[in-house]
Amino acid sequence: MTKLRTIAPFSEPMDRKTPWLFGVLAILLAIAVAGRLTLGSVEIPFSQVVTILLGNEPTQTPWRDIILQFRLPRAIAAILAGAALSVSGLQVQTLFRNPLAGPSILGINAGASLAVALVVLVTGSSKLPNLGIAMAAGIGAGLAASLLLLISQQLQSQLALLVFGLMFGYMTTAFVTIFLHFSSIEQTQSYLVWTFGSFAGVTWSQIRVLLPLVLLGLILSSLLCGSLNLLLLGDEQARNLGLSVRAIRIGIILSSSLLAGTVTAFCGPVAFLGVAVPHLCRSLFKSVEHRLLIPATILLGALLALFADAIAQFPGQDTVLPLNAVTALLGAPVVTWLVWKRQHFFY
């Protein structure tokens, strides 16, 4: 059975298959973007998509609005969300050395959910604008992340921090349930629609906020690559090698919270990508080297997010499935199979 390899920085040559794997992922991502722009309830020829993207007029005027106002921002949102959640999940799994950890383990989704439930209950509105929900979710996620940062400075054990995140999530879920109990059916439905997750409601104005925040989180994550590798050796060994475990823990929480919280605010609590994609990348590249895994999770996360979104709105159909249901149906069997075939890729 092939063992996972850890590449020491600049000391071990890269596997010859690695550039090919990155090339294949990049090509598949480009194909997925092209397919997402051409296929839908209205099929638009790829040549016309290129014409529209180049700023020229298509043969049918409505196609321009369909591409520029709906499909392109939705595709960009899916790419950003998939990349952000996957990298966030990779960092959290490394921090806790727990294969089941994901962005939701930090309580970010729970904080966002509580804020949205509060807004629905307090405003008494069953039809909140997307921007209002995004702002509420963003504030809730930010407060949850701030609380977690404060707690992380007081807790020495990462296991204790993990338990705190889980308990915070349980308590928040309890409060949400109580709030929804006193809400009307319409208000409850409005909240549930948000929990399904979706890339469809993201507008260009929201992407102007989503894009720089996700890029900032990804840059911060990339700067932590070496420290993430050292954490795999254990806290004591990492300290002996000169790593400030507490400072790195704060950095990981900050970048993971920024990535997961931003996506949750604009796209809802999209589940499972943050758990599944890191495992897929470790198995695909047969490595736990974060200098490989972070760009790999960005590409594969974006690819799977686009694929899930395409299935959620199957071409030629008007019915839109809940995105979270699609990601779970796609991811759970794959991770289960990997656990069965390659148990060694867990930490």
Protein backbone atom coordinates (compact mmCIF):
# COMPACT_ATOMS: atom_id res chain seq x y z
CA MET A 1 0.00 0.00 0.00
CA THR A 2 1.43 3.34 -1.03
CA LYS A 3 2.16 5.66 1.84
CA LEU A 4 1.47 9.34 1.81
CA ARG A 5 4.62 11.40 1.39
CA THR A 6 5.50 14.61 3.14
CA ILE A 7 7.76 16.82 1.05
CA ALA A 8 10.28 18.80 3.04
CA PRO A 9 10.59 22.31 1.60
CA PHE A 10 13.10 22.41 -1.27
CA SER A 11 14.70 19.11 -0.17
CA GLU A 12 12.76 16.47 -2.09
CA PRO A 13 12.05 16.55 -5.82
CA MET A 14 8.43 16.88 -6.83
CA ASP A 15 6.72 13.79 -8.17
CA ARG A 16 6.70 13.83 -11.98
CA LYS A 17 2.94 13.22 -12.00
CA THR A 18 2.20 16.30 -9.91
CA PRO A 19 2.41 18.91 -12.73
CA TRP A 20 0.23 16.65 -14.89
CA LEU A 21 -2.36 16.38 -12.13
CA PHE A 22 -2.47 20.15 -11.74
CA GLY A 23 -2.78 20.49 -15.51
CA VAL A 24 -5.69 18.04 -15.65
CA LEU A 25 -7.49 19.82 -12.81
CA ALA A 26 -7.00 23.20 -14.51
CA ILE A 27 -8.35 21.86 -17.82
CA LEU A 28 -11.34 20.23 -16.12
CA LEU A 29 -12.05 23.49 -14.30
CA ALA A 30 -11.98 25.42 -17.58
CA ILE A 31 -14.35 22.86 -19.15
CA ALA A 32 -16.68 23.12 -16.14
CA VAL A 33 -16.79 26.92 -16.41
CA ALA A 34 -17.55 26.70 -20.14
CA GLY A 35 -20.27 24.13 -19.51
CA ARG A 36 -21.78 26.17 -16.70
CA LEU A 37 -22.02 29.21 -18.98
CA THR A 38 -23.47 27.37 -21.97
CA LEU A 39 -25.86 24.90 -20.33
CA GLY A 40 -28.98 25.72 -18.35
CA SER A 41 -32.68 26.19 -18.83
CA VAL A 42 -31.66 28.05 -22.02
CA GLU A 43 -28.81 26.48 -23.98
CA ILE A 44 -26.43 29.05 -25.47
CA PRO A 45 -23.77 28.03 -28.03
CA PHE A 46 -20.23 28.30 -26.72
CA SER A 47 -19.25 30.55 -29.63
CA GLN A 48 -21.93 33.00 -28.53
CA VAL A 49 -20.68 32.84 -24.94
CA VAL A 50 -17.20 33.80 -26.13
CA THR A 51 -18.71 36.61 -28.21
CA ILE A 52 -20.52 37.97 -25.17
CA LEU A 53 -17.46 37.73 -22.92
CA LEU A 54 -15.42 39.64 -25.50
CA GLY A 55 -17.93 42.46 -25.33
CA ASN A 56 -19.60 41.88 -28.69
CA GLU A 57 -23.30 41.51 -29.41
CA PRO A 58 -24.70 37.95 -29.66
CA THR A 59 -27.20 36.82 -32.30
CA GLN A 60 -29.95 36.93 -29.66
CA THR A 61 -29.95 39.92 -27.31
CA PRO A 62 -31.42 38.13 -24.23
CA TRP A 63 -28.40 35.81 -24.18
CA ARG A 64 -26.20 38.71 -23.11
CA ASP A 65 -28.20 39.34 -19.95
CA ILE A 66 -28.42 35.62 -19.18
CA ILE A 67 -24.62 35.27 -19.30
CA LEU A 68 -23.51 38.53 -17.72
CA GLN A 69 -26.22 38.99 -15.11
CA PHE A 70 -26.92 35.41 -14.05
CA ARG A 71 -24.56 32.65 -15.18
CA LEU A 72 -21.20 34.42 -14.96
CA PRO A 73 -21.61 35.78 -11.40
CA ARG A 74 -23.04 32.42 -10.34
CA ALA A 75 -20.02 30.59 -11.79
CA ILE A 76 -17.60 33.01 -10.12
CA ALA A 77 -19.42 32.60 -6.80
CA ALA A 78 -19.19 28.80 -7.10
CA ILE A 79 -15.45 28.95 -7.86
CA LEU A 80 -14.73 31.27 -4.94
CA ALA A 81 -16.94 29.31 -2.54
CA GLY A 82 -15.52 25.93 -3.51
CA ALA A 83 -11.93 27.13 -3.20
CA ALA A 84 -12.52 28.97 0.09
CA LEU A 85 -14.41 26.17 1.86
CA SER A 86 -11.93 23.52 0.72
CA VAL A 87 -8.87 25.42 1.93
CA SER A 88 -10.65 26.29 5.17
CA GLY A 89 -11.43 22.61 5.71
CA LEU A 90 -7.84 21.61 4.97
CA GLN A 91 -6.52 24.02 7.59
CA VAL A 92 -9.04 22.98 10.23
CA GLN A 93 -8.29 19.27 9.68
CA THR A 94 -4.58 19.97 10.07
CA LEU A 95 -5.08 22.15 13.14
CA PHE A 96 -7.15 19.53 14.98
CA ARG A 97 -5.56 16.53 13.23
CA ASN A 98 -9.11 15.29 12.81
CA PRO A 99 -10.27 13.90 9.43
CA LEU A 100 -13.91 14.79 10.16
CA ALA A 101 -13.22 18.44 10.93
CA GLY A 102 -14.53 21.10 8.57
CA PRO A 103 -15.34 24.81 8.52
CA SER A 104 -18.54 24.21 10.49
CA ILE A 105 -16.52 22.71 13.37
CA LEU A 106 -15.37 26.21 14.35
CA GLY A 107 -18.93 27.38 14.87
CA ILE A 108 -18.77 29.84 11.96
CA ASN A 109 -21.84 28.42 10.25
CA ALA A 110 -23.62 28.27 13.59
CA GLY A 111 -22.97 31.95 14.28
CA ALA A 112 -24.20 32.91 10.82
CA SER A 113 -27.31 30.75 11.19
CA LEU A 114 -28.16 32.29 14.56
CA ALA A 115 -27.85 35.81 13.15
CA VAL A 116 -30.10 35.03 10.17
CA ALA A 117 -32.70 33.38 12.42
CA LEU A 118 -32.68 36.44 14.68
CA VAL A 119 -33.16 38.81 11.76
CA VAL A 120 -36.05 36.74 10.40
CA LEU A 121 -37.73 36.71 13.82
CA VAL A 122 -37.12 40.35 14.79
CA THR A 123 -38.01 41.91 11.44
CA GLY A 124 -41.07 39.71 11.08
CA SER A 125 -40.36 39.51 7.35
CA SER A 126 -40.66 36.31 5.39
CA LYS A 127 -38.96 37.76 2.30
CA LEU A 128 -35.69 39.37 3.25
CA PRO A 129 -33.41 40.77 0.51
CA ASN A 130 -30.28 38.78 -0.27
CA LEU A 131 -28.08 41.65 0.90
CA GLY A 132 -29.86 41.80 4.28
CA ILE A 133 -29.39 38.08 4.85
CA ALA A 134 -25.74 38.31 3.75
CA MET A 135 -25.07 41.16 6.16
CA ALA A 136 -26.73 39.31 9.05
CA ALA A 137 -24.83 36.10 8.28
CA GLY A 138 -21.56 37.99 7.93
CA ILE A 139 -21.99 39.71 11.30
CA GLY A 140 -22.91 36.41 12.97
CA ALA A 141 -19.93 34.60 11.45
CA GLY A 142 -17.61 37.44 12.41
CA LEU A 143 -18.79 37.45 16.03
CA ALA A 144 -18.40 33.66 16.23
CA ALA A 145 -14.88 33.88 14.82
CA SER A 146 -13.97 36.67 17.26
CA LEU A 147 -15.23 34.62 20.19
CA LEU A 148 -13.25 31.61 18.99
CA LEU A 149 -10.07 33.71 18.69
CA LEU A 150 -10.48 34.96 22.26
CA ILE A 151 -11.11 31.45 23.59
CA SER A 152 -8.15 30.01 21.64
CA GLN A 153 -5.78 32.33 23.52
CA GLN A 154 -6.97 30.88 26.83
CA LEU A 155 -7.06 27.18 25.90
CA GLN A 156 -3.79 25.28 25.68
CA SER A 157 -5.25 22.07 24.25
CA GLN A 158 -6.45 21.85 20.65
CA LEU A 159 -8.81 19.08 21.76
CA ALA A 160 -10.41 21.52 24.21
CA LEU A 161 -10.77 24.06 21.41
CA LEU A 162 -12.40 21.41 19.23
CA VAL A 163 -14.87 20.52 21.98
CA PHE A 164 -15.65 24.21 22.52
CA GLY A 165 -16.41 24.63 18.81
CA LEU A 166 -18.73 21.63 18.87
CA MET A 167 -20.55 22.76 22.01
CA PHE A 168 -20.92 26.28 20.64
CA GLY A 169 -22.49 24.83 17.52
CA TYR A 170 -24.92 22.70 19.54
CA MET A 171 -25.98 25.63 21.73
CA THR A 172 -26.46 27.88 18.73
CA THR A 173 -28.56 25.25 16.97
CA ALA A 174 -30.72 25.01 20.09
CA PHE A 175 -31.30 28.78 20.11
CA VAL A 176 -32.13 28.75 16.39
CA THR A 177 -34.68 26.00 16.96
CA ILE A 178 -36.30 27.99 19.78
CA PHE A 179 -36.44 31.17 17.67
CA LEU A 180 -37.97 29.32 14.74
CA HIS A 181 -40.55 27.79 17.08
CA PHE A 182 -41.94 31.28 17.66
CA SER A 183 -41.76 32.27 14.00
CA SER A 184 -44.48 32.02 11.41
CA ILE A 185 -44.47 29.34 8.73
CA GLU A 186 -43.40 31.91 6.13
CA GLN A 187 -40.51 33.13 8.28
CA THR A 188 -39.36 29.58 8.95
CA GLN A 189 -39.48 28.83 5.24
CA SER A 190 -37.39 31.92 4.49
CA TYR A 191 -34.74 30.73 6.94
CA LEU A 192 -34.78 27.16 5.62
CA VAL A 193 -34.29 28.35 2.04
CA TRP A 194 -31.12 30.15 3.16
CA THR A 195 -29.83 27.00 4.91
CA PHE A 196 -30.10 25.04 1.65
CA GLY A 197 -27.16 27.01 0.25
CA SER A 198 -27.07 28.55 -3.21
CA PHE A 199 -24.78 30.41 -5.60
CA ALA A 200 -27.69 31.77 -7.63
CA GLY A 201 -28.43 34.84 -5.53
CA VAL A 202 -24.90 36.28 -5.62
CA THR A 203 -24.83 39.55 -7.54
CA TRP A 204 -21.96 41.53 -9.02
CA SER A 205 -22.06 43.99 -6.13
CA GLN A 206 -21.68 41.09 -3.69
CA ILE A 207 -18.86 39.55 -5.71
CA ARG A 208 -16.96 42.83 -5.34
CA VAL A 209 -16.94 42.08 -1.62
CA LEU A 210 -16.66 38.28 -1.83
CA LEU A 211 -13.67 38.22 -4.21
CA PRO A 212 -11.15 40.34 -2.24
CA LEU A 213 -12.06 38.71 1.07
CA VAL A 214 -11.63 35.20 -0.32
CA LEU A 215 -8.35 36.17 -1.99
CA LEU A 216 -7.12 37.64 1.29
CA GLY A 217 -8.00 34.42 3.11
CA LEU A 218 -6.28 32.27 0.47
CA ILE A 219 -3.13 34.41 0.59
CA LEU A 220 -3.01 34.15 4.37
CA SER A 221 -3.51 30.39 4.11
CA SER A 222 -0.64 30.11 1.62
CA LEU A 223 1.67 31.98 3.99
CA LEU A 224 0.92 29.36 6.67
CA CYS A 225 1.98 26.36 4.53
CA GLY A 226 5.25 25.68 6.34
CA SER A 227 3.66 26.01 9.76
CA LEU A 228 0.83 23.66 8.77
CA ASN A 229 3.42 21.05 7.79
CA LEU A 230 5.12 21.36 11.18
CA LEU A 231 1.80 20.98 13.02
CA LEU A 232 1.49 17.50 11.53
CA LEU A 233 4.44 16.49 13.68
CA GLY A 234 2.54 17.32 16.86
CA ASP A 235 2.51 20.39 19.09
CA GLU A 236 5.58 19.46 21.13
CA GLN A 237 7.72 18.64 18.13
CA ALA A 238 6.57 21.82 16.41
CA ARG A 239 7.54 23.88 19.47
CA ASN A 240 10.94 22.19 19.57
CA LEU A 241 11.46 23.28 15.98
CA GLY A 242 10.79 26.87 16.94
CA LEU A 243 7.13 27.20 15.95
CA SER A 244 4.84 29.39 18.05
CA VAL A 245 1.88 27.03 18.17
CA ARG A 246 -0.46 29.56 19.78
CA ALA A 247 0.30 32.25 17.20
CA ILE A 248 -0.10 29.80 14.31
CA ARG A 249 -3.36 28.52 15.81
CA ILE A 250 -4.70 32.07 15.82
CA GLY A 251 -3.56 32.57 12.23
CA ILE A 252 -5.27 29.38 11.10
CA ILE A 253 -8.51 30.26 12.90
CA LEU A 254 -8.41 33.76 11.42
CA SER A 255 -7.88 32.63 7.82
CA SER A 256 -10.31 29.70 8.09
CA SER A 257 -12.98 31.90 9.65
CA LEU A 258 -12.49 34.58 7.02
CA LEU A 259 -12.89 32.05 4.20
CA ALA A 260 -15.81 30.11 5.68
CA GLY A 261 -17.59 33.15 7.11
CA THR A 262 -17.44 35.13 3.87
CA VAL A 263 -18.84 32.26 1.82
CA THR A 264 -21.53 31.50 4.39
CA ALA A 265 -22.63 35.14 4.37
CA PHE A 266 -23.20 35.29 0.63
CA CYS A 267 -23.94 31.68 -0.34
CA GLY A 268 -25.44 30.17 2.80
CA PRO A 269 -23.96 27.31 4.86
CA VAL A 270 -22.71 25.16 1.96
CA ALA A 271 -21.90 21.78 3.48
CA PHE A 272 -19.45 18.95 2.89
CA LEU A 273 -16.98 20.56 0.45
CA GLY A 274 -14.71 21.56 3.33
CA VAL A 275 -14.63 17.98 4.60
CA ALA A 276 -14.47 16.00 1.35
CA VAL A 277 -12.12 17.97 -0.89
CA PRO A 278 -9.02 17.85 1.38
CA HIS A 279 -9.34 14.05 1.59
CA LEU A 280 -9.71 13.75 -2.17
CA CYS A 281 -6.59 15.86 -2.71
CA ARG A 282 -4.49 13.88 -0.24
CA SER A 283 -5.49 10.67 -1.97
CA LEU A 284 -5.03 12.09 -5.47
CA PHE A 285 -1.58 13.59 -4.84
CA LYS A 286 -0.57 10.96 -2.23
CA SER A 287 0.85 13.74 -0.08
CA VAL A 288 0.22 15.76 3.07
CA GLU A 289 2.51 18.58 1.92
CA HIS A 290 0.49 21.77 2.17
CA ARG A 291 2.45 23.51 -0.58
CA LEU A 292 0.81 21.00 -2.89
CA LEU A 293 -2.50 20.56 -1.10
CA ILE A 294 -3.54 24.22 -0.90
CA PRO A 295 -3.41 24.90 -4.68
CA ALA A 296 -4.86 21.42 -5.28
CA THR A 297 -7.81 22.04 -2.97
CA ILE A 298 -8.41 25.41 -4.62
CA LEU A 299 -8.71 23.80 -8.05
CA LEU A 300 -10.64 20.69 -7.00
CA GLY A 301 -12.92 22.62 -4.64
CA ALA A 302 -13.83 25.08 -7.38
CA LEU A 303 -14.39 22.22 -9.83
CA LEU A 304 -16.69 20.25 -7.51
CA ALA A 305 -18.63 23.39 -6.53
CA LEU A 306 -19.34 24.11 -10.20
CA PHE A 307 -20.30 20.48 -10.77
CA ALA A 308 -22.65 20.43 -7.77
CA ASP A 309 -24.25 23.69 -8.86
CA ALA A 310 -24.80 22.30 -12.36
CA ILE A 311 -26.53 19.22 -10.95
CA ALA A 312 -28.63 21.37 -8.62
CA GLN A 313 -29.96 23.17 -11.68
CA PHE A 314 -29.98 20.37 -14.21
CA PRO A 315 -29.82 21.66 -17.82
CA GLY A 316 -33.23 21.95 -19.42
CA GLN A 317 -35.09 21.72 -16.11
CA ASP A 318 -36.76 24.53 -14.17
CA THR A 319 -36.51 22.70 -10.83
CA VAL A 320 -33.60 23.71 -8.59
CA LEU A 321 -32.43 21.20 -5.99
CA PRO A 322 -30.98 22.26 -2.61
CA LEU A 323 -27.24 22.70 -3.10
CA ASN A 324 -26.39 21.13 0.27
CA ALA A 325 -28.24 17.94 -0.70
CA VAL A 326 -26.23 17.69 -3.92
CA THR A 327 -22.84 18.26 -2.24
CA ALA A 328 -23.63 15.62 0.39
CA LEU A 329 -24.79 13.09 -2.19
CA LEU A 330 -21.63 13.67 -4.23
CA GLY A 331 -19.15 13.85 -1.39
CA ALA A 332 -20.29 11.25 1.13
CA PRO A 333 -19.87 8.17 -1.11
CA VAL A 334 -16.45 9.36 -2.31
CA VAL A 335 -15.11 9.93 1.21
CA THR A 336 -16.60 6.62 2.37
CA TRP A 337 -14.84 4.82 -0.46
CA LEU A 338 -11.54 6.54 0.31
CA VAL A 339 -11.82 5.61 3.98
CA TRP A 340 -12.41 1.99 2.97
CA LYS A 341 -9.59 1.83 0.42
CA ARG A 342 -7.01 4.21 1.91
CA GLN A 343 -7.30 4.41 5.67
CA HIS A 344 -3.72 5.70 5.96
CA PHE A 345 -4.51 9.12 4.53
CA PHE A 346 -5.95 10.16 7.88
CA TYR A 347 -3.66 11.99 10.28
